[in-house]
Amino acid sequence: MKDFFKENKVVTWLIIISILICLIPISCYIIKFSGHRLSNDPTVWGTFGDYLGGTINTILSLSSLIILAILTSSINKQSNAENKKNSFLLRRLDSFDQLSSYLDKIGCITVYVDTVLNENKVTKKLSDEHEVMRLKEYRHTLIEITVYLGTFRQRYGHLYEYDFYSTEYLELLKSSDKFKDLFDTMILIITGKDNHKEIISDDYEKFTTKFDQVLINLSKELK
């Protein structure tokens, strides 16, 4: 209650002023008729009631209308602010959900890369066209992820306090490009077009680590 009156000082002052104004006709009546004894006549008390009703009720009714209008406006503002806050939170949750939905795809790709590198398949020219198609499909997925990360701050950056120009996020973008380049190299080697390319095996590990870290930091704002 105290917080309400602190936030609505106009209402507080209106109540105080209304009370003071109501005291004026009562004070005037007391001053004027203070020398008279209290009457036992109901008609006199009825006249006194009419006097108070005609003065105080009018003041209270006017004050109530003004206070009601102010309270309605205040509630509407609070409601709009709450709706805006909820809308931002829902959009933030939706954007985070879309971003985190790539986790499964990234997991499949990294497992595949791990398998290929551990079995030294990348050093051999594969005749299996399905293997090459699989590589190209994964590469296409990585391009999709890279583009999404690159446009995420423009599309959803205003929903977060997170700094999308931070070193952490910029390194994630750079790492995603390197991960994509790793697939380009793997495709060239496996198809026998270039056997002199160097595979940097920790590129995908760095990417997954940085991606997880960004998700963790963004998830802190989902409250």
C-alpha atoms as a PDB file:
ATOM      1  CA  MET A   1       0.000   0.000   0.000  1.00  0.00           C
ATOM      2  CA  LYS A   2       2.825   2.390   0.868  1.00  0.00           C
ATOM      3  CA  ASP A   3       4.482   1.666  -2.462  1.00  0.00           C
ATOM      4  CA  PHE A   4       1.223   2.433  -4.262  1.00  0.00           C
ATOM      5  CA  PHE A   5       0.964   5.912  -2.725  1.00  0.00           C
ATOM      6  CA  LYS A   6       4.628   6.574  -3.426  1.00  0.00           C
ATOM      7  CA  GLU A   7       4.151   5.712  -7.099  1.00  0.00           C
ATOM      8  CA  ASN A   8       0.854   7.652  -7.364  1.00  0.00           C
ATOM      9  CA  LYS A   9       1.589  10.953  -5.634  1.00  0.00           C
ATOM     10  CA  VAL A  10      -1.210  12.736  -7.526  1.00  0.00           C
ATOM     11  CA  VAL A  11      -3.784  10.387  -5.987  1.00  0.00           C
ATOM     12  CA  THR A  12      -2.285  10.928  -2.545  1.00  0.00           C
ATOM     13  CA  TRP A  13      -2.480  14.695  -2.894  1.00  0.00           C
ATOM     14  CA  LEU A  14      -6.040  14.510  -4.210  1.00  0.00           C
ATOM     15  CA  ILE A  15      -7.115  12.492  -1.169  1.00  0.00           C
ATOM     16  CA  ILE A  16      -5.429  14.955   1.203  1.00  0.00           C
ATOM     17  CA  ILE A  17      -6.922  17.983  -0.568  1.00  0.00           C
ATOM     18  CA  SER A  18     -10.380  16.363  -0.631  1.00  0.00           C
ATOM     19  CA  ILE A  19     -10.236  15.735   3.108  1.00  0.00           C
ATOM     20  CA  LEU A  20      -9.143  19.327   3.759  1.00  0.00           C
ATOM     21  CA  ILE A  21     -11.933  20.710   1.557  1.00  0.00           C
ATOM     22  CA  CYS A  22     -14.468  18.499   3.332  1.00  0.00           C
ATOM     23  CA  LEU A  23     -13.336  19.979   6.636  1.00  0.00           C
ATOM     24  CA  ILE A  24     -14.143  23.510   5.441  1.00  0.00           C
ATOM     25  CA  PRO A  25     -17.987  23.270   5.536  1.00  0.00           C
ATOM     26  CA  ILE A  26     -17.826  21.320   8.797  1.00  0.00           C
ATOM     27  CA  SER A  27     -15.532  23.971  10.318  1.00  0.00           C
ATOM     28  CA  CYS A  28     -17.785  26.764   9.104  1.00  0.00           C
ATOM     29  CA  TYR A  29     -20.841  25.081  10.636  1.00  0.00           C
ATOM     30  CA  ILE A  30     -19.082  24.544  13.961  1.00  0.00           C
ATOM     31  CA  ILE A  31     -17.842  28.144  14.072  1.00  0.00           C
ATOM     32  CA  LYS A  32     -21.257  29.555  13.177  1.00  0.00           C
ATOM     33  CA  PHE A  33     -23.337  27.429  15.545  1.00  0.00           C
ATOM     34  CA  SER A  34     -20.831  26.546  18.257  1.00  0.00           C
ATOM     35  CA  GLY A  35     -22.821  28.593  20.799  1.00  0.00           C
ATOM     36  CA  HIS A  36     -25.956  26.512  20.339  1.00  0.00           C
ATOM     37  CA  ARG A  37     -26.795  23.361  22.212  1.00  0.00           C
ATOM     38  CA  LEU A  38     -27.309  20.074  20.409  1.00  0.00           C
ATOM     39  CA  SER A  39     -30.900  19.855  19.216  1.00  0.00           C
ATOM     40  CA  ASN A  40     -33.286  17.052  20.045  1.00  0.00           C
ATOM     41  CA  ASP A  41     -35.384  17.829  16.981  1.00  0.00           C
ATOM     42  CA  PRO A  42     -34.964  15.252  14.140  1.00  0.00           C
ATOM     43  CA  THR A  43     -35.903  17.933  11.616  1.00  0.00           C
ATOM     44  CA  VAL A  44     -32.874  19.989  12.628  1.00  0.00           C
ATOM     45  CA  TRP A  45     -30.602  16.964  12.296  1.00  0.00           C
ATOM     46  CA  GLY A  46     -32.137  16.280   8.889  1.00  0.00           C
ATOM     47  CA  THR A  47     -31.313  19.789   7.796  1.00  0.00           C
ATOM     48  CA  PHE A  48     -27.765  19.315   9.076  1.00  0.00           C
ATOM     49  CA  GLY A  49     -27.522  16.076   7.079  1.00  0.00           C
ATOM     50  CA  ASP A  50     -28.751  17.843   3.949  1.00  0.00           C
ATOM     51  CA  TYR A  51     -26.111  20.496   4.492  1.00  0.00           C
ATOM     52  CA  LEU A  52     -23.304  17.957   4.796  1.00  0.00           C
ATOM     53  CA  GLY A  53     -24.630  15.874   1.893  1.00  0.00           C
ATOM     54  CA  GLY A  54     -24.873  18.888  -0.381  1.00  0.00           C
ATOM     55  CA  THR A  55     -21.331  20.005   0.331  1.00  0.00           C
ATOM     56  CA  ILE A  56     -19.180  17.028   1.269  1.00  0.00           C
ATOM     57  CA  ASN A  57     -20.810  14.453  -1.045  1.00  0.00           C
ATOM     58  CA  THR A  58     -20.297  16.719  -4.046  1.00  0.00           C
ATOM     59  CA  ILE A  59     -16.611  17.133  -3.201  1.00  0.00           C
ATOM     60  CA  LEU A  60     -16.133  13.400  -2.573  1.00  0.00           C
ATOM     61  CA  SER A  61     -17.936  12.424  -5.786  1.00  0.00           C
ATOM     62  CA  LEU A  62     -15.783  14.750  -7.877  1.00  0.00           C
ATOM     63  CA  SER A  63     -12.611  13.537  -6.163  1.00  0.00           C
ATOM     64  CA  SER A  64     -13.634   9.900  -6.648  1.00  0.00           C
ATOM     65  CA  LEU A  65     -14.138  10.420 -10.379  1.00  0.00           C
ATOM     66  CA  ILE A  66     -10.735  12.057 -10.743  1.00  0.00           C
ATOM     67  CA  ILE A  67      -9.008   9.368  -8.661  1.00  0.00           C
ATOM     68  CA  LEU A  68     -10.793   6.623 -10.626  1.00  0.00           C
ATOM     69  CA  ALA A  69      -9.638   8.138 -13.918  1.00  0.00           C
ATOM     70  CA  ILE A  70      -6.041   8.342 -12.665  1.00  0.00           C
ATOM     71  CA  LEU A  71      -6.099   4.779 -11.342  1.00  0.00           C
ATOM     72  CA  THR A  72      -7.565   3.468 -14.607  1.00  0.00           C
ATOM     73  CA  SER A  73      -4.850   5.219 -16.589  1.00  0.00           C
ATOM     74  CA  SER A  74      -2.154   3.898 -14.219  1.00  0.00           C
ATOM     75  CA  ILE A  75      -3.478   0.335 -14.460  1.00  0.00           C
ATOM     76  CA  ASN A  76      -3.581   0.552 -18.255  1.00  0.00           C
ATOM     77  CA  LYS A  77       0.014   1.740 -18.347  1.00  0.00           C
ATOM     78  CA  GLN A  78       1.129  -1.062 -16.042  1.00  0.00           C
ATOM     79  CA  SER A  79      -0.828  -3.575 -18.092  1.00  0.00           C
ATOM     80  CA  ASN A  80       0.729  -2.346 -21.340  1.00  0.00           C
ATOM     81  CA  ALA A  81       4.196  -2.483 -19.799  1.00  0.00           C
ATOM     82  CA  GLU A  82       3.551  -6.027 -18.527  1.00  0.00           C
ATOM     83  CA  ASN A  83       2.192  -7.126 -21.911  1.00  0.00           C
ATOM     84  CA  LYS A  84       5.238  -5.669 -23.640  1.00  0.00           C
ATOM     85  CA  LYS A  85       7.531  -7.442 -21.190  1.00  0.00           C
ATOM     86  CA  ASN A  86       5.719 -10.752 -21.722  1.00  0.00           C
ATOM     87  CA  SER A  87       5.822 -10.274 -25.489  1.00  0.00           C
ATOM     88  CA  PHE A  88       9.583  -9.693 -25.358  1.00  0.00           C
ATOM     89  CA  LEU A  89      10.026 -12.787 -23.188  1.00  0.00           C
ATOM     90  CA  LEU A  90       7.973 -14.964 -25.560  1.00  0.00           C
ATOM     91  CA  ARG A  91       9.925 -13.723 -28.573  1.00  0.00           C
ATOM     92  CA  ARG A  92      13.167 -14.295 -26.685  1.00  0.00           C
ATOM     93  CA  LEU A  93      12.113 -17.840 -25.804  1.00  0.00           C
ATOM     94  CA  ASP A  94      11.137 -18.496 -29.415  1.00  0.00           C
ATOM     95  CA  SER A  95      14.453 -17.208 -30.787  1.00  0.00           C
ATOM     96  CA  PHE A  96      16.421 -19.196 -28.209  1.00  0.00           C
ATOM     97  CA  ASP A  97      14.420 -22.318 -29.046  1.00  0.00           C
ATOM     98  CA  GLN A  98      15.242 -21.894 -32.737  1.00  0.00           C
ATOM     99  CA  LEU A  99      18.918 -21.397 -31.970  1.00  0.00           C
ATOM    100  CA  SER A 100      19.138 -24.348 -29.586  1.00  0.00           C
ATOM    101  CA  SER A 101      17.292 -26.566 -32.121  1.00  0.00           C
ATOM    102  CA  TYR A 102      20.593 -26.750 -34.045  1.00  0.00           C
ATOM    103  CA  LEU A 103      22.222 -28.628 -31.164  1.00  0.00           C
ATOM    104  CA  ASP A 104      21.093 -32.027 -32.456  1.00  0.00           C
ATOM    105  CA  LYS A 105      22.310 -31.275 -35.982  1.00  0.00           C
ATOM    106  CA  ILE A 106      25.652 -30.010 -34.690  1.00  0.00           C
ATOM    107  CA  GLY A 107      25.961 -33.131 -32.530  1.00  0.00           C
ATOM    108  CA  CYS A 108      25.373 -35.428 -35.525  1.00  0.00           C
ATOM    109  CA  ILE A 109      27.880 -33.512 -37.639  1.00  0.00           C
ATOM    110  CA  THR A 110      30.626 -33.539 -35.001  1.00  0.00           C
ATOM    111  CA  VAL A 111      30.149 -37.265 -34.369  1.00  0.00           C
ATOM    112  CA  TYR A 112      30.427 -37.884 -38.097  1.00  0.00           C
ATOM    113  CA  VAL A 113      33.586 -35.749 -38.385  1.00  0.00           C
ATOM    114  CA  ASP A 114      35.076 -37.543 -35.388  1.00  0.00           C
ATOM    115  CA  THR A 115      34.364 -40.914 -36.976  1.00  0.00           C
ATOM    116  CA  VAL A 116      35.808 -39.923 -40.346  1.00  0.00           C
ATOM    117  CA  LEU A 117      38.991 -38.486 -38.841  1.00  0.00           C
ATOM    118  CA  ASN A 118      39.538 -41.405 -36.440  1.00  0.00           C
ATOM    119  CA  GLU A 119      39.103 -43.968 -39.206  1.00  0.00           C
ATOM    120  CA  ASN A 120      41.356 -41.970 -41.539  1.00  0.00           C
ATOM    121  CA  LYS A 121      38.683 -42.038 -44.229  1.00  0.00           C
ATOM    122  CA  VAL A 122      39.575 -38.507 -45.133  1.00  0.00           C
ATOM    123  CA  THR A 123      42.941 -39.603 -46.476  1.00  0.00           C
ATOM    124  CA  LYS A 124      41.350 -41.965 -48.961  1.00  0.00           C
ATOM    125  CA  LYS A 125      39.506 -41.334 -52.142  1.00  0.00           C
ATOM    126  CA  LEU A 126      36.031 -42.738 -51.617  1.00  0.00           C
ATOM    127  CA  SER A 127      34.116 -44.276 -54.467  1.00  0.00           C
ATOM    128  CA  ASP A 128      30.898 -44.321 -52.465  1.00  0.00           C
ATOM    129  CA  GLU A 129      28.778 -41.482 -53.815  1.00  0.00           C
ATOM    130  CA  HIS A 130      26.462 -41.686 -50.797  1.00  0.00           C
ATOM    131  CA  GLU A 131      29.372 -40.761 -48.526  1.00  0.00           C
ATOM    132  CA  VAL A 132      30.134 -37.698 -50.638  1.00  0.00           C
ATOM    133  CA  MET A 133      26.441 -36.731 -50.696  1.00  0.00           C
ATOM    134  CA  ARG A 134      26.328 -37.051 -46.934  1.00  0.00           C
ATOM    135  CA  LEU A 135      29.311 -34.732 -46.620  1.00  0.00           C
ATOM    136  CA  LYS A 136      27.658 -32.197 -48.885  1.00  0.00           C
ATOM    137  CA  GLU A 137      24.402 -32.391 -46.918  1.00  0.00           C
ATOM    138  CA  TYR A 138      26.263 -31.730 -43.675  1.00  0.00           C
ATOM    139  CA  ARG A 139      28.103 -28.871 -45.328  1.00  0.00           C
ATOM    140  CA  HIS A 140      24.772 -27.388 -46.426  1.00  0.00           C
ATOM    141  CA  THR A 141      23.528 -27.649 -42.832  1.00  0.00           C
ATOM    142  CA  LEU A 142      26.641 -25.864 -41.588  1.00  0.00           C
ATOM    143  CA  ILE A 143      26.087 -23.071 -44.105  1.00  0.00           C
ATOM    144  CA  GLU A 144      22.523 -22.751 -42.781  1.00  0.00           C
ATOM    145  CA  ILE A 145      23.798 -22.565 -39.188  1.00  0.00           C
ATOM    146  CA  THR A 146      26.493 -20.040 -40.116  1.00  0.00           C
ATOM    147  CA  VAL A 147      23.986 -17.778 -41.870  1.00  0.00           C
ATOM    148  CA  TYR A 148      21.554 -18.064 -38.953  1.00  0.00           C
ATOM    149  CA  LEU A 149      24.249 -17.130 -36.433  1.00  0.00           C
ATOM    150  CA  GLY A 150      25.389 -14.234 -38.622  1.00  0.00           C
ATOM    151  CA  THR A 151      21.873 -12.765 -38.824  1.00  0.00           C
ATOM    152  CA  PHE A 152      20.784 -13.643 -35.278  1.00  0.00           C
ATOM    153  CA  ARG A 153      21.956 -10.376 -33.724  1.00  0.00           C
ATOM    154  CA  GLN A 154      20.175  -8.301 -36.400  1.00  0.00           C
ATOM    155  CA  ARG A 155      16.931 -10.241 -36.004  1.00  0.00           C
ATOM    156  CA  TYR A 156      16.865 -10.862 -32.255  1.00  0.00           C
ATOM    157  CA  GLY A 157      19.675  -8.817 -30.720  1.00  0.00           C
ATOM    158  CA  HIS A 158      17.212  -6.192 -29.400  1.00  0.00           C
ATOM    159  CA  LEU A 159      15.533  -8.876 -27.275  1.00  0.00           C
ATOM    160  CA  TYR A 160      18.679  -9.622 -25.265  1.00  0.00           C
ATOM    161  CA  GLU A 161      21.072  -7.725 -23.062  1.00  0.00           C
ATOM    162  CA  TYR A 162      23.815 -10.010 -24.344  1.00  0.00           C
ATOM    163  CA  ASP A 163      26.486  -8.199 -26.383  1.00  0.00           C
ATOM    164  CA  PHE A 164      26.429  -9.790 -29.828  1.00  0.00           C
ATOM    165  CA  TYR A 165      29.519  -7.762 -30.724  1.00  0.00           C
ATOM    166  CA  SER A 166      31.485  -9.338 -27.900  1.00  0.00           C
ATOM    167  CA  THR A 167      34.674 -11.294 -28.541  1.00  0.00           C
ATOM    168  CA  GLU A 168      32.860 -14.477 -27.543  1.00  0.00           C
ATOM    169  CA  TYR A 169      30.170 -14.154 -30.209  1.00  0.00           C
ATOM    170  CA  LEU A 170      32.564 -12.938 -32.903  1.00  0.00           C
ATOM    171  CA  GLU A 171      34.791 -15.948 -32.218  1.00  0.00           C
ATOM    172  CA  LEU A 172      31.745 -18.204 -32.560  1.00  0.00           C
ATOM    173  CA  LEU A 173      31.036 -16.739 -36.013  1.00  0.00           C
ATOM    174  CA  LYS A 174      34.663 -17.166 -37.014  1.00  0.00           C
ATOM    175  CA  SER A 175      34.683 -20.722 -35.686  1.00  0.00           C
ATOM    176  CA  SER A 176      31.534 -21.622 -37.645  1.00  0.00           C
ATOM    177  CA  ASP A 177      33.221 -20.428 -40.857  1.00  0.00           C
ATOM    178  CA  LYS A 178      36.251 -22.597 -40.085  1.00  0.00           C
ATOM    179  CA  PHE A 179      33.998 -25.573 -39.398  1.00  0.00           C
ATOM    180  CA  LYS A 180      32.378 -25.093 -42.793  1.00  0.00           C
ATOM    181  CA  ASP A 181      35.815 -24.756 -44.429  1.00  0.00           C
ATOM    182  CA  LEU A 182      36.814 -28.063 -42.796  1.00  0.00           C
ATOM    183  CA  PHE A 183      34.015 -29.768 -44.692  1.00  0.00           C
ATOM    184  CA  ASP A 184      35.115 -28.121 -47.935  1.00  0.00           C
ATOM    185  CA  THR A 185      38.590 -29.545 -47.354  1.00  0.00           C
ATOM    186  CA  MET A 186      37.233 -32.984 -46.498  1.00  0.00           C
ATOM    187  CA  ILE A 187      35.150 -33.039 -49.689  1.00  0.00           C
ATOM    188  CA  LEU A 188      38.155 -32.068 -51.812  1.00  0.00           C
ATOM    189  CA  ILE A 189      40.352 -34.751 -50.259  1.00  0.00           C
ATOM    190  CA  ILE A 190      37.747 -37.511 -50.280  1.00  0.00           C
ATOM    191  CA  THR A 191      36.826 -36.842 -53.910  1.00  0.00           C
ATOM    192  CA  GLY A 192      40.537 -36.845 -54.795  1.00  0.00           C
ATOM    193  CA  LYS A 193      40.586 -33.253 -56.043  1.00  0.00           C
ATOM    194  CA  ASP A 194      43.220 -32.093 -53.576  1.00  0.00           C
ATOM    195  CA  ASN A 195      45.341 -34.379 -51.408  1.00  0.00           C
ATOM    196  CA  HIS A 196      47.557 -31.615 -50.059  1.00  0.00           C
ATOM    197  CA  LYS A 197      44.984 -29.851 -47.917  1.00  0.00           C
ATOM    198  CA  GLU A 198      45.592 -29.790 -44.188  1.00  0.00           C
ATOM    199  CA  ILE A 199      42.884 -30.924 -41.783  1.00  0.00           C
ATOM    200  CA  ILE A 200      42.764 -28.977 -38.535  1.00  0.00           C
ATOM    201  CA  SER A 201      40.835 -31.435 -36.411  1.00  0.00           C
ATOM    202  CA  ASP A 202      40.081 -29.113 -33.481  1.00  0.00           C
ATOM    203  CA  ASP A 203      38.043 -26.637 -35.571  1.00  0.00           C
ATOM    204  CA  TYR A 204      34.770 -28.427 -34.931  1.00  0.00           C
ATOM    205  CA  GLU A 205      35.582 -28.942 -31.249  1.00  0.00           C
ATOM    206  CA  LYS A 206      36.166 -25.203 -30.805  1.00  0.00           C
ATOM    207  CA  PHE A 207      32.901 -24.452 -32.562  1.00  0.00           C
ATOM    208  CA  THR A 208      30.799 -26.756 -30.370  1.00  0.00           C
ATOM    209  CA  THR A 209      32.433 -25.376 -27.213  1.00  0.00           C
ATOM    210  CA  LYS A 210      31.791 -21.752 -28.211  1.00  0.00           C
ATOM    211  CA  PHE A 211      28.245 -22.528 -29.343  1.00  0.00           C
ATOM    212  CA  ASP A 212      27.452 -24.143 -25.984  1.00  0.00           C
ATOM    213  CA  GLN A 213      28.915 -21.169 -24.114  1.00  0.00           C
ATOM    214  CA  VAL A 214      26.818 -18.651 -26.048  1.00  0.00           C
ATOM    215  CA  LEU A 215      23.678 -20.721 -25.392  1.00  0.00           C
ATOM    216  CA  ILE A 216      24.470 -20.810 -21.679  1.00  0.00           C
ATOM    217  CA  ASN A 217      24.864 -17.025 -21.534  1.00  0.00           C
ATOM    218  CA  LEU A 218      21.674 -16.407 -23.503  1.00  0.00           C
ATOM    219  CA  SER A 219      19.702 -18.855 -21.350  1.00  0.00           C
ATOM    220  CA  LYS A 220      20.432 -16.715 -18.273  1.00  0.00           C
ATOM    221  CA  GLU A 221      18.042 -14.096 -19.661  1.00  0.00           C
ATOM    222  CA  LEU A 222      15.112 -16.495 -20.066  1.00  0.00           C
ATOM    223  CA  LYS A 223      13.381 -15.513 -16.851  1.00  0.00           C
END
